[in-house]
Amino acid sequence: MLIERFKSKIHRVKVTEANLNYIGSITIDEDLLDAANLIEGEKVQIVNNNNGERIETYIIKGERGSGVICLNGAAARRVQVGDVLIIIGYGLMDFEEAKTFVPSVVFPDENNRLIK
């Protein structure tokens, strides 16, 4: 049996842009993607700590080191620049593998950059 399990999280990033006139998705700084074990095109859940919204979309790779977190398309209506988000990726795993799997969790600084 396969189960869907939490595999990746970028915890408490700030929205830097909201672009309504785009086809859709979330643009995320490539440094954050690498650290959280997320990839372009992957489906993610976005939790908005400011208003309680939960959105599902897919990832677009943003400029490395830019700190960009941009909601595109219809999702742009669900955030404001400065809102704090949690971005969560899930994976399908064998039940036994899921018991011991260790997710990747990233805690960026106030500028959406990795803490070194």
PDB file of N, CA and C in Angstrom:
ATOM      1  N   MET A   1       0.832  -1.168   0.000  1.00  0.00           N
ATOM      2  CA  MET A   1       0.000   0.000   0.000  1.00  0.00           C
ATOM      3  C   MET A   1       0.888   1.246   0.000  1.00  0.00           C
ATOM      4  N   LEU A   2       0.484   2.243  -0.767  1.00  0.00           N
ATOM      5  CA  LEU A   2       1.160   3.537  -0.758  1.00  0.00           C
ATOM      6  C   LEU A   2       0.329   4.521   0.053  1.00  0.00           C
ATOM      7  N   ILE A   3       1.026   5.391   0.791  1.00  0.00           N
ATOM      8  CA  ILE A   3       0.332   6.457   1.504  1.00  0.00           C
ATOM      9  C   ILE A   3       0.968   7.785   1.113  1.00  0.00           C
ATOM     10  N   GLU A   4       0.193   8.842   1.225  1.00  0.00           N
ATOM     11  CA  GLU A   4       0.712  10.176   0.958  1.00  0.00           C
ATOM     12  C   GLU A   4       1.221  10.737   2.280  1.00  0.00           C
ATOM     13  N   ARG A   5       2.495  11.137   2.282  1.00  0.00           N
ATOM     14  CA  ARG A   5       3.139  11.573   3.517  1.00  0.00           C
ATOM     15  C   ARG A   5       3.856  12.894   3.306  1.00  0.00           C
ATOM     16  N   PHE A   6       3.873  13.728   4.335  1.00  0.00           N
ATOM     17  CA  PHE A   6       4.625  14.977   4.327  1.00  0.00           C
ATOM     18  C   PHE A   6       6.094  14.674   4.056  1.00  0.00           C
ATOM     19  N   LYS A   7       6.693  15.336   3.033  1.00  0.00           N
ATOM     20  CA  LYS A   7       8.091  15.083   2.700  1.00  0.00           C
ATOM     21  C   LYS A   7       8.969  16.325   2.747  1.00  0.00           C
ATOM     22  N   SER A   8       8.375  17.513   2.568  1.00  0.00           N
ATOM     23  CA  SER A   8       9.162  18.743   2.477  1.00  0.00           C
ATOM     24  C   SER A   8       8.357  19.911   3.021  1.00  0.00           C
ATOM     25  N   LYS A   9       9.088  20.859   3.648  1.00  0.00           N
ATOM     26  CA  LYS A   9       8.392  22.056   4.118  1.00  0.00           C
ATOM     27  C   LYS A   9       9.351  23.237   4.115  1.00  0.00           C
ATOM     28  N   ILE A  10       8.860  24.362   3.591  1.00  0.00           N
ATOM     29  CA  ILE A  10       9.529  25.651   3.743  1.00  0.00           C
ATOM     30  C   ILE A  10       8.649  26.408   4.732  1.00  0.00           C
ATOM     31  N   HIS A  11       9.191  26.654   5.926  1.00  0.00           N
ATOM     32  CA  HIS A  11       8.396  27.169   7.037  1.00  0.00           C
ATOM     33  C   HIS A  11       8.563  28.672   7.203  1.00  0.00           C
ATOM     34  N   ARG A  12       7.467  29.390   7.075  1.00  0.00           N
ATOM     35  CA  ARG A  12       7.388  30.830   7.341  1.00  0.00           C
ATOM     36  C   ARG A  12       8.244  31.675   6.395  1.00  0.00           C
ATOM     37  N   VAL A  13       7.863  31.673   5.129  1.00  0.00           N
ATOM     38  CA  VAL A  13       8.451  32.607   4.163  1.00  0.00           C
ATOM     39  C   VAL A  13       7.451  33.722   3.920  1.00  0.00           C
ATOM     40  N   LYS A  14       7.949  34.856   3.476  1.00  0.00           N
ATOM     41  CA  LYS A  14       7.081  35.999   3.199  1.00  0.00           C
ATOM     42  C   LYS A  14       6.831  36.117   1.706  1.00  0.00           C
ATOM     43  N   VAL A  15       5.603  36.429   1.355  1.00  0.00           N
ATOM     44  CA  VAL A  15       5.246  36.680  -0.037  1.00  0.00           C
ATOM     45  C   VAL A  15       5.949  37.960  -0.486  1.00  0.00           C
ATOM     46  N   THR A  16       6.706  37.864  -1.583  1.00  0.00           N
ATOM     47  CA  THR A  16       7.394  39.039  -2.122  1.00  0.00           C
ATOM     48  C   THR A  16       6.649  39.644  -3.301  1.00  0.00           C
ATOM     49  N   GLU A  17       5.820  38.835  -3.974  1.00  0.00           N
ATOM     50  CA  GLU A  17       5.075  39.296  -5.144  1.00  0.00           C
ATOM     51  C   GLU A  17       3.774  38.515  -5.265  1.00  0.00           C
ATOM     52  N   ALA A  18       2.790  39.112  -5.923  1.00  0.00           N
ATOM     53  CA  ALA A  18       1.555  38.436  -6.306  1.00  0.00           C
ATOM     54  C   ALA A  18       1.227  38.916  -7.715  1.00  0.00           C
ATOM     55  N   ASN A  19       1.224  37.986  -8.673  1.00  0.00           N
ATOM     56  CA  ASN A  19       1.083  38.334 -10.086  1.00  0.00           C
ATOM     57  C   ASN A  19      -0.180  37.691 -10.650  1.00  0.00           C
ATOM     58  N   LEU A  20      -1.268  38.434 -10.628  1.00  0.00           N
ATOM     59  CA  LEU A  20      -2.553  37.921 -11.109  1.00  0.00           C
ATOM     60  C   LEU A  20      -2.517  37.571 -12.592  1.00  0.00           C
ATOM     61  N   ASN A  21      -1.766  38.324 -13.378  1.00  0.00           N
ATOM     62  CA  ASN A  21      -1.741  38.140 -14.833  1.00  0.00           C
ATOM     63  C   ASN A  21      -0.693  37.129 -15.274  1.00  0.00           C
ATOM     64  N   TYR A  22      -0.745  35.960 -14.676  1.00  0.00           N
ATOM     65  CA  TYR A  22       0.152  34.864 -15.022  1.00  0.00           C
ATOM     66  C   TYR A  22      -0.678  33.599 -15.023  1.00  0.00           C
ATOM     67  N   ILE A  23      -0.248  32.596 -15.723  1.00  0.00           N
ATOM     68  CA  ILE A  23      -1.057  31.388 -15.904  1.00  0.00           C
ATOM     69  C   ILE A  23      -1.342  30.661 -14.595  1.00  0.00           C
ATOM     70  N   GLY A  24      -0.446  30.694 -13.649  1.00  0.00           N
ATOM     71  CA  GLY A  24      -0.683  30.037 -12.363  1.00  0.00           C
ATOM     72  C   GLY A  24       0.579  29.463 -11.777  1.00  0.00           C
ATOM     73  N   SER A  25       0.565  29.169 -10.479  1.00  0.00           N
ATOM     74  CA  SER A  25       1.675  28.516  -9.785  1.00  0.00           C
ATOM     75  C   SER A  25       2.263  29.394  -8.699  1.00  0.00           C
ATOM     76  N   ILE A  26       3.350  28.914  -8.104  1.00  0.00           N
ATOM     77  CA  ILE A  26       4.121  29.680  -7.137  1.00  0.00           C
ATOM     78  C   ILE A  26       5.582  29.657  -7.564  1.00  0.00           C
ATOM     79  N   THR A  27       6.186  30.821  -7.619  1.00  0.00           N
ATOM     80  CA  THR A  27       7.604  30.934  -7.945  1.00  0.00           C
ATOM     81  C   THR A  27       8.368  30.979  -6.628  1.00  0.00           C
ATOM     82  N   ILE A  28       9.376  30.089  -6.510  1.00  0.00           N
ATOM     83  CA  ILE A  28      10.150  29.958  -5.270  1.00  0.00           C
ATOM     84  C   ILE A  28      11.633  30.004  -5.610  1.00  0.00           C
ATOM     85  N   ASP A  29      12.392  30.776  -4.836  1.00  0.00           N
ATOM     86  CA  ASP A  29      13.846  30.859  -4.942  1.00  0.00           C
ATOM     87  C   ASP A  29      14.440  29.446  -5.022  1.00  0.00           C
ATOM     88  N   GLU A  30      15.306  29.224  -6.005  1.00  0.00           N
ATOM     89  CA  GLU A  30      15.892  27.901  -6.226  1.00  0.00           C
ATOM     90  C   GLU A  30      16.704  27.411  -5.025  1.00  0.00           C
ATOM     91  N   ASP A  31      17.325  28.297  -4.267  1.00  0.00           N
ATOM     92  CA  ASP A  31      18.045  27.875  -3.057  1.00  0.00           C
ATOM     93  C   ASP A  31      17.098  27.212  -2.063  1.00  0.00           C
ATOM     94  N   LEU A  32      15.908  27.782  -1.908  1.00  0.00           N
ATOM     95  CA  LEU A  32      14.928  27.201  -0.990  1.00  0.00           C
ATOM     96  C   LEU A  32      14.425  25.856  -1.504  1.00  0.00           C
ATOM     97  N   LEU A  33      14.226  25.758  -2.814  1.00  0.00           N
ATOM     98  CA  LEU A  33      13.787  24.486  -3.401  1.00  0.00           C
ATOM     99  C   LEU A  33      14.804  23.384  -3.119  1.00  0.00           C
ATOM    100  N   ASP A  34      16.066  23.668  -3.377  1.00  0.00           N
ATOM    101  CA  ASP A  34      17.105  22.664  -3.156  1.00  0.00           C
ATOM    102  C   ASP A  34      17.146  22.224  -1.696  1.00  0.00           C
ATOM    103  N   ALA A  35      17.114  23.188  -0.789  1.00  0.00           N
ATOM    104  CA  ALA A  35      17.216  22.888   0.637  1.00  0.00           C
ATOM    105  C   ALA A  35      16.030  22.065   1.141  1.00  0.00           C
ATOM    106  N   ALA A  36      14.858  22.291   0.556  1.00  0.00           N
ATOM    107  CA  ALA A  36      13.641  21.602   0.993  1.00  0.00           C
ATOM    108  C   ALA A  36      13.347  20.335   0.194  1.00  0.00           C
ATOM    109  N   ASN A  37      14.227  19.999  -0.749  1.00  0.00           N
ATOM    110  CA  ASN A  37      14.018  18.800  -1.561  1.00  0.00           C
ATOM    111  C   ASN A  37      12.717  18.892  -2.372  1.00  0.00           C
ATOM    112  N   LEU A  38      12.507  20.060  -2.978  1.00  0.00           N
ATOM    113  CA  LEU A  38      11.362  20.294  -3.858  1.00  0.00           C
ATOM    114  C   LEU A  38      11.876  20.558  -5.267  1.00  0.00           C
ATOM    115  N   ILE A  39      11.051  20.282  -6.269  1.00  0.00           N
ATOM    116  CA  ILE A  39      11.471  20.487  -7.660  1.00  0.00           C
ATOM    117  C   ILE A  39      10.418  21.261  -8.446  1.00  0.00           C
ATOM    118  N   GLU A  40      10.900  21.872  -9.529  1.00  0.00           N
ATOM    119  CA  GLU A  40       9.999  22.592 -10.425  1.00  0.00           C
ATOM    120  C   GLU A  40       8.925  21.641 -10.941  1.00  0.00           C
ATOM    121  N   GLY A  41       7.696  22.118 -10.949  1.00  0.00           N
ATOM    122  CA  GLY A  41       6.573  21.322 -11.427  1.00  0.00           C
ATOM    123  C   GLY A  41       5.904  20.487 -10.354  1.00  0.00           C
ATOM    124  N   GLU A  42       6.529  20.388  -9.192  1.00  0.00           N
ATOM    125  CA  GLU A  42       5.963  19.581  -8.110  1.00  0.00           C
ATOM    126  C   GLU A  42       4.727  20.263  -7.527  1.00  0.00           C
ATOM    127  N   LYS A  43       3.731  19.467  -7.196  1.00  0.00           N
ATOM    128  CA  LYS A  43       2.520  19.965  -6.551  1.00  0.00           C
ATOM    129  C   LYS A  43       2.842  20.271  -5.089  1.00  0.00           C
ATOM    130  N   VAL A  44       2.388  21.440  -4.619  1.00  0.00           N
ATOM    131  CA  VAL A  44       2.577  21.818  -3.222  1.00  0.00           C
ATOM    132  C   VAL A  44       1.286  22.384  -2.653  1.00  0.00           C
ATOM    133  N   GLN A  45       1.209  22.332  -1.332  1.00  0.00           N
ATOM    134  CA  GLN A  45       0.129  22.984  -0.606  1.00  0.00           C
ATOM    135  C   GLN A  45       0.725  24.225   0.046  1.00  0.00           C
ATOM    136  N   ILE A  46       0.006  25.325  -0.045  1.00  0.00           N
ATOM    137  CA  ILE A  46       0.456  26.588   0.528  1.00  0.00           C
ATOM    138  C   ILE A  46      -0.542  26.974   1.615  1.00  0.00           C
ATOM    139  N   VAL A  47      -0.018  27.198   2.805  1.00  0.00           N
ATOM    140  CA  VAL A  47      -0.840  27.595   3.937  1.00  0.00           C
ATOM    141  C   VAL A  47      -0.499  29.047   4.261  1.00  0.00           C
ATOM    142  N   ASN A  48      -1.488  29.921   4.217  1.00  0.00           N
ATOM    143  CA  ASN A  48      -1.282  31.336   4.500  1.00  0.00           C
ATOM    144  C   ASN A  48      -1.572  31.580   5.985  1.00  0.00           C
ATOM    145  N   ASN A  49      -0.529  31.894   6.754  1.00  0.00           N
ATOM    146  CA  ASN A  49      -0.703  32.129   8.184  1.00  0.00           C
ATOM    147  C   ASN A  49      -1.500  33.393   8.480  1.00  0.00           C
ATOM    148  N   ASN A  50      -1.561  34.330   7.548  1.00  0.00           N
ATOM    149  CA  ASN A  50      -2.261  35.587   7.790  1.00  0.00           C
ATOM    150  C   ASN A  50      -3.770  35.474   7.655  1.00  0.00           C
ATOM    151  N   ASN A  51      -4.237  34.628   6.737  1.00  0.00           N
ATOM    152  CA  ASN A  51      -5.687  34.569   6.524  1.00  0.00           C
ATOM    153  C   ASN A  51      -6.278  33.152   6.551  1.00  0.00           C
ATOM    154  N   GLY A  52      -5.448  32.140   6.763  1.00  0.00           N
ATOM    155  CA  GLY A  52      -5.943  30.768   6.871  1.00  0.00           C
ATOM    156  C   GLY A  52      -6.185  30.061   5.547  1.00  0.00           C
ATOM    157  N   GLU A  53      -5.965  30.735   4.425  1.00  0.00           N
ATOM    158  CA  GLU A  53      -6.161  30.117   3.107  1.00  0.00           C
ATOM    159  C   GLU A  53      -5.229  28.916   2.928  1.00  0.00           C
ATOM    160  N   ARG A  54      -5.714  27.895   2.256  1.00  0.00           N
ATOM    161  CA  ARG A  54      -4.901  26.750   1.832  1.00  0.00           C
ATOM    162  C   ARG A  54      -5.092  26.611   0.331  1.00  0.00           C
ATOM    163  N   ILE A  55      -3.966  26.588  -0.385  1.00  0.00           N
ATOM    164  CA  ILE A  55      -3.990  26.575  -1.844  1.00  0.00           C
ATOM    165  C   ILE A  55      -3.123  25.420  -2.324  1.00  0.00           C
ATOM    166  N   GLU A  56      -3.540  24.752  -3.377  1.00  0.00           N
ATOM    167  CA  GLU A  56      -2.689  23.763  -4.043  1.00  0.00           C
ATOM    168  C   GLU A  56      -2.314  24.298  -5.401  1.00  0.00           C
ATOM    169  N   THR A  57      -1.038  24.180  -5.753  1.00  0.00           N
ATOM    170  CA  THR A  57      -0.545  24.622  -7.044  1.00  0.00           C
ATOM    171  C   THR A  57       0.752  23.878  -7.334  1.00  0.00           C
ATOM    172  N   TYR A  58       1.477  24.336  -8.336  1.00  0.00           N
ATOM    173  CA  TYR A  58       2.757  23.707  -8.670  1.00  0.00           C
ATOM    174  C   TYR A  58       3.862  24.754  -8.642  1.00  0.00           C
ATOM    175  N   ILE A  59       5.086  24.271  -8.566  1.00  0.00           N
ATOM    176  CA  ILE A  59       6.249  25.134  -8.389  1.00  0.00           C
ATOM    177  C   ILE A  59       6.859  25.568  -9.716  1.00  0.00           C
ATOM    178  N   ILE A  60       7.254  26.856  -9.766  1.00  0.00           N
ATOM    179  CA  ILE A  60       8.130  27.380 -10.812  1.00  0.00           C
ATOM    180  C   ILE A  60       9.413  27.810 -10.105  1.00  0.00           C
ATOM    181  N   LYS A  61      10.535  27.444 -10.691  1.00  0.00           N
ATOM    182  CA  LYS A  61      11.839  27.779 -10.126  1.00  0.00           C
ATOM    183  C   LYS A  61      12.099  29.269 -10.270  1.00  0.00           C
ATOM    184  N   GLY A  62      12.420  29.919  -9.126  1.00  0.00           N
ATOM    185  CA  GLY A  62      12.749  31.336  -9.119  1.00  0.00           C
ATOM    186  C   GLY A  62      14.252  31.548  -9.091  1.00  0.00           C
ATOM    187  N   GLU A  63      14.668  32.762  -9.318  1.00  0.00           N
ATOM    188  CA  GLU A  63      16.087  33.098  -9.357  1.00  0.00           C
ATOM    189  C   GLU A  63      16.776  32.731  -8.047  1.00  0.00           C
ATOM    190  N   ARG A  64      17.879  32.005  -8.177  1.00  0.00           N
ATOM    191  CA  ARG A  64      18.656  31.553  -7.026  1.00  0.00           C
ATOM    192  C   ARG A  64      19.157  32.762  -6.224  1.00  0.00           C
ATOM    193  N   GLY A  65      18.948  32.710  -4.905  1.00  0.00           N
ATOM    194  CA  GLY A  65      19.429  33.754  -4.021  1.00  0.00           C
ATOM    195  C   GLY A  65      18.573  35.010  -3.968  1.00  0.00           C
ATOM    196  N   SER A  66      17.467  35.019  -4.706  1.00  0.00           N
ATOM    197  CA  SER A  66      16.624  36.221  -4.791  1.00  0.00           C
ATOM    198  C   SER A  66      15.654  36.363  -3.620  1.00  0.00           C
ATOM    199  N   GLY A  67      15.326  35.249  -2.973  1.00  0.00           N
ATOM    200  CA  GLY A  67      14.323  35.273  -1.917  1.00  0.00           C
ATOM    201  C   GLY A  67      12.897  35.349  -2.435  1.00  0.00           C
ATOM    202  N   VAL A  68      12.712  35.186  -3.743  1.00  0.00           N
ATOM    203  CA  VAL A  68      11.384  35.346  -4.334  1.00  0.00           C
ATOM    204  C   VAL A  68      10.413  34.264  -3.855  1.00  0.00           C
ATOM    205  N   ILE A  69       9.224  34.739  -3.481  1.00  0.00           N
ATOM    206  CA  ILE A  69       8.056  33.901  -3.219  1.00  0.00           C
ATOM    207  C   ILE A  69       6.903  34.651  -3.877  1.00  0.00           C
ATOM    208  N   CYS A  70       6.492  34.183  -5.048  1.00  0.00           N
ATOM    209  CA  CYS A  70       5.483  34.888  -5.832  1.00  0.00           C
ATOM    210  C   CYS A  70       4.323  33.959  -6.161  1.00  0.00           C
ATOM    211  N   LEU A  71       3.128  34.347  -5.738  1.00  0.00           N
ATOM    212  CA  LEU A  71       1.929  33.612  -6.113  1.00  0.00           C
ATOM    213  C   LEU A  71       1.426  34.169  -7.427  1.00  0.00           C
ATOM    214  N   ASN A  72       1.159  33.264  -8.357  1.00  0.00           N
ATOM    215  CA  ASN A  72       0.785  33.643  -9.717  1.00  0.00           C
ATOM    216  C   ASN A  72      -0.645  33.226 -10.033  1.00  0.00           C
ATOM    217  N   GLY A  73      -1.254  33.918 -10.971  1.00  0.00           N
ATOM    218  CA  GLY A  73      -2.593  33.569 -11.426  1.00  0.00           C
ATOM    219  C   GLY A  73      -3.631  33.759 -10.332  1.00  0.00           C
ATOM    220  N   ALA A  74      -4.633  32.893 -10.325  1.00  0.00           N
ATOM    221  CA  ALA A  74      -5.742  33.026  -9.373  1.00  0.00           C
ATOM    222  C   ALA A  74      -5.269  33.013  -7.920  1.00  0.00           C
ATOM    223  N   ALA A  75      -4.198  32.278  -7.626  1.00  0.00           N
ATOM    224  CA  ALA A  75      -3.674  32.222  -6.250  1.00  0.00           C
ATOM    225  C   ALA A  75      -3.235  33.588  -5.752  1.00  0.00           C
ATOM    226  N   ALA A  76      -2.902  34.496  -6.656  1.00  0.00           N
ATOM    227  CA  ALA A  76      -2.482  35.845  -6.267  1.00  0.00           C
ATOM    228  C   ALA A  76      -3.594  36.575  -5.512  1.00  0.00           C
ATOM    229  N   ARG A  77      -4.841  36.169  -5.731  1.00  0.00           N
ATOM    230  CA  ARG A  77      -5.964  36.792  -5.023  1.00  0.00           C
ATOM    231  C   ARG A  77      -6.063  36.320  -3.578  1.00  0.00           C
ATOM    232  N   ARG A  78      -5.336  35.272  -3.229  1.00  0.00           N
ATOM    233  CA  ARG A  78      -5.419  34.668  -1.894  1.00  0.00           C
ATOM    234  C   ARG A  78      -4.317  35.133  -0.940  1.00  0.00           C
ATOM    235  N   VAL A  79      -3.428  36.016  -1.430  1.00  0.00           N
ATOM    236  CA  VAL A  79      -2.315  36.507  -0.606  1.00  0.00           C
ATOM    237  C   VAL A  79      -2.134  37.997  -0.797  1.00  0.00           C
ATOM    238  N   GLN A  80      -1.371  38.575   0.118  1.00  0.00           N
ATOM    239  CA  GLN A  80      -0.889  39.942  -0.035  1.00  0.00           C
ATOM    240  C   GLN A  80       0.613  39.907   0.175  1.00  0.00           C
ATOM    241  N   VAL A  81       1.317  40.801  -0.487  1.00  0.00           N
ATOM    242  CA  VAL A  81       2.760  40.901  -0.266  1.00  0.00           C
ATOM    243  C   VAL A  81       2.981  41.100   1.229  1.00  0.00           C
ATOM    244  N   GLY A  82       3.899  40.326   1.775  1.00  0.00           N
ATOM    245  CA  GLY A  82       4.196  40.370   3.206  1.00  0.00           C
ATOM    246  C   GLY A  82       3.536  39.270   4.010  1.00  0.00           C
ATOM    247  N   ASP A  83       2.514  38.590   3.432  1.00  0.00           N
ATOM    248  CA  ASP A  83       1.889  37.467   4.146  1.00  0.00           C
ATOM    249  C   ASP A  83       2.936  36.385   4.405  1.00  0.00           C
ATOM    250  N   VAL A  84       2.755  35.674   5.503  1.00  0.00           N
ATOM    251  CA  VAL A  84       3.666  34.597   5.880  1.00  0.00           C
ATOM    252  C   VAL A  84       3.043  33.261   5.481  1.00  0.00           C
ATOM    253  N   LEU A  85       3.826  32.455   4.743  1.00  0.00           N
ATOM    254  CA  LEU A  85       3.343  31.184   4.215  1.00  0.00           C
ATOM    255  C   LEU A  85       4.154  30.004   4.739  1.00  0.00           C
ATOM    256  N   ILE A  86       3.503  28.855   4.739  1.00  0.00           N
ATOM    257  CA  ILE A  86       4.178  27.566   4.892  1.00  0.00           C
ATOM    258  C   ILE A  86       3.912  26.822   3.592  1.00  0.00           C
ATOM    259  N   ILE A  87       4.971  26.305   2.976  1.00  0.00           N
ATOM    260  CA  ILE A  87       4.854  25.588   1.705  1.00  0.00           C
ATOM    261  C   ILE A  87       5.188  24.127   1.979  1.00  0.00           C
ATOM    262  N   ILE A  88       4.260  23.229   1.640  1.00  0.00           N
ATOM    263  CA  ILE A  88       4.386  21.818   2.008  1.00  0.00           C
ATOM    264  C   ILE A  88       4.318  20.939   0.766  1.00  0.00           C
ATOM    265  N   GLY A  89       5.263  20.016   0.665  1.00  0.00           N
ATOM    266  CA  GLY A  89       5.264  19.001  -0.385  1.00  0.00           C
ATOM    267  C   GLY A  89       4.986  17.639   0.228  1.00  0.00           C
ATOM    268  N   TYR A  90       4.283  16.805  -0.501  1.00  0.00           N
ATOM    269  CA  TYR A  90       3.936  15.466  -0.042  1.00  0.00           C
ATOM    270  C   TYR A  90       4.472  14.446  -1.048  1.00  0.00           C
ATOM    271  N   GLY A  91       4.683  13.232  -0.603  1.00  0.00           N
ATOM    272  CA  GLY A  91       5.141  12.180  -1.501  1.00  0.00           C
ATOM    273  C   GLY A  91       4.395  10.892  -1.241  1.00  0.00           C
ATOM    274  N   LEU A  92       4.281  10.068  -2.267  1.00  0.00           N
ATOM    275  CA  LEU A  92       3.686   8.743  -2.117  1.00  0.00           C
ATOM    276  C   LEU A  92       4.783   7.764  -1.730  1.00  0.00           C
ATOM    277  N   MET A  93       4.555   7.022  -0.673  1.00  0.00           N
ATOM    278  CA  MET A  93       5.558   6.089  -0.171  1.00  0.00           C
ATOM    279  C   MET A  93       4.903   4.796   0.265  1.00  0.00           C
ATOM    280  N   ASP A  94       5.721   3.776   0.223  1.00  0.00           N
ATOM    281  CA  ASP A  94       5.331   2.504   0.818  1.00  0.00           C
ATOM    282  C   ASP A  94       5.100   2.740   2.312  1.00  0.00           C
ATOM    283  N   PHE A  95       4.133   2.051   2.878  1.00  0.00           N
ATOM    284  CA  PHE A  95       3.765   2.234   4.276  1.00  0.00           C
ATOM    285  C   PHE A  95       4.959   2.066   5.216  1.00  0.00           C
ATOM    286  N   GLU A  96       5.756   1.054   5.009  1.00  0.00           N
ATOM    287  CA  GLU A  96       6.910   0.808   5.885  1.00  0.00           C
ATOM    288  C   GLU A  96       7.974   1.889   5.718  1.00  0.00           C
ATOM    289  N   GLU A  97       8.232   2.323   4.481  1.00  0.00           N
ATOM    290  CA  GLU A  97       9.192   3.408   4.236  1.00  0.00           C
ATOM    291  C   GLU A  97       8.726   4.684   4.928  1.00  0.00           C
ATOM    292  N   ALA A  98       7.437   4.953   4.871  1.00  0.00           N
ATOM    293  CA  ALA A  98       6.879   6.174   5.449  1.00  0.00           C
ATOM    294  C   ALA A  98       7.089   6.242   6.964  1.00  0.00           C
ATOM    295  N   LYS A  99       7.179   5.113   7.614  1.00  0.00           N
ATOM    296  CA  LYS A  99       7.376   5.089   9.065  1.00  0.00           C
ATOM    297  C   LYS A  99       8.725   5.669   9.475  1.00  0.00           C
ATOM    298  N   THR A 100       9.733   5.519   8.625  1.00  0.00           N
ATOM    299  CA  THR A 100      11.084   5.963   8.993  1.00  0.00           C
ATOM    300  C   THR A 100      11.579   7.139   8.161  1.00  0.00           C
ATOM    301  N   PHE A 101      10.792   7.587   7.202  1.00  0.00           N
ATOM    302  CA  PHE A 101      11.197   8.687   6.333  1.00  0.00           C
ATOM    303  C   PHE A 101      11.392   9.972   7.131  1.00  0.00           C
ATOM    304  N   VAL A 102      12.469  10.692   6.831  1.00  0.00           N
ATOM    305  CA  VAL A 102      12.742  11.965   7.495  1.00  0.00           C
ATOM    306  C   VAL A 102      12.518  13.094   6.494  1.00  0.00           C
ATOM    307  N   PRO A 103      11.530  13.949   6.732  1.00  0.00           N
ATOM    308  CA  PRO A 103      11.251  15.038   5.796  1.00  0.00           C
ATOM    309  C   PRO A 103      12.329  16.119   5.832  1.00  0.00           C
ATOM    310  N   SER A 104      12.391  16.898   4.758  1.00  0.00           N
ATOM    311  CA  SER A 104      13.285  18.055   4.680  1.00  0.00           C
ATOM    312  C   SER A 104      12.488  19.279   5.101  1.00  0.00           C
ATOM    313  N   VAL A 105      12.980  19.986   6.119  1.00  0.00           N
ATOM    314  CA  VAL A 105      12.296  21.170   6.632  1.00  0.00           C
ATOM    315  C   VAL A 105      13.283  22.327   6.634  1.00  0.00           C
ATOM    316  N   VAL A 106      12.868  23.449   6.069  1.00  0.00           N
ATOM    317  CA  VAL A 106      13.720  24.627   5.940  1.00  0.00           C
ATOM    318  C   VAL A 106      13.073  25.779   6.708  1.00  0.00           C
ATOM    319  N   PHE A 107      13.901  26.497   7.475  1.00  0.00           N
ATOM    320  CA  PHE A 107      13.460  27.665   8.240  1.00  0.00           C
ATOM    321  C   PHE A 107      14.232  28.885   7.755  1.00  0.00           C
ATOM    322  N   PRO A 108      13.745  29.551   6.695  1.00  0.00           N
ATOM    323  CA  PRO A 108      14.465  30.708   6.155  1.00  0.00           C
ATOM    324  C   PRO A 108      14.440  31.901   7.117  1.00  0.00           C
ATOM    325  N   ASP A 109      15.319  32.869   6.836  1.00  0.00           N
ATOM    326  CA  ASP A 109      15.324  34.101   7.637  1.00  0.00           C
ATOM    327  C   ASP A 109      14.212  35.035   7.164  1.00  0.00           C
ATOM    328  N   GLU A 110      14.157  36.238   7.719  1.00  0.00           N
ATOM    329  CA  GLU A 110      13.085  37.189   7.407  1.00  0.00           C
ATOM    330  C   GLU A 110      13.124  37.707   5.980  1.00  0.00           C
ATOM    331  N   ASN A 111      14.219  37.430   5.253  1.00  0.00           N
ATOM    332  CA  ASN A 111      14.332  37.814   3.842  1.00  0.00           C
ATOM    333  C   ASN A 111      14.207  36.629   2.895  1.00  0.00           C
ATOM    334  N   ASN A 112      13.651  35.519   3.401  1.00  0.00           N
ATOM    335  CA  ASN A 112      13.452  34.295   2.616  1.00  0.00           C
ATOM    336  C   ASN A 112      14.777  33.684   2.144  1.00  0.00           C
ATOM    337  N   ARG A 113      15.815  33.862   2.923  1.00  0.00           N
ATOM    338  CA  ARG A 113      17.109  33.293   2.554  1.00  0.00           C
ATOM    339  C   ARG A 113      17.503  32.233   3.576  1.00  0.00           C
ATOM    340  N   LEU A 114      18.305  31.294   3.140  1.00  0.00           N
ATOM    341  CA  LEU A 114      18.741  30.214   4.033  1.00  0.00           C
ATOM    342  C   LEU A 114      19.623  30.777   5.133  1.00  0.00           C
ATOM    343  N   ILE A 115      19.421  30.286   6.329  1.00  0.00           N
ATOM    344  CA  ILE A 115      20.248  30.681   7.460  1.00  0.00           C
ATOM    345  C   ILE A 115      21.497  29.834   7.426  1.00  0.00           C
ATOM    346  N   LYS A 116      22.644  30.513   7.470  1.00  0.00           N
ATOM    347  CA  LYS A 116      23.905  29.772   7.367  1.00  0.00           C
ATOM    348  C   LYS A 116      24.610  29.688   8.678  1.00  0.00           C
TER     349      LYS A 116
END
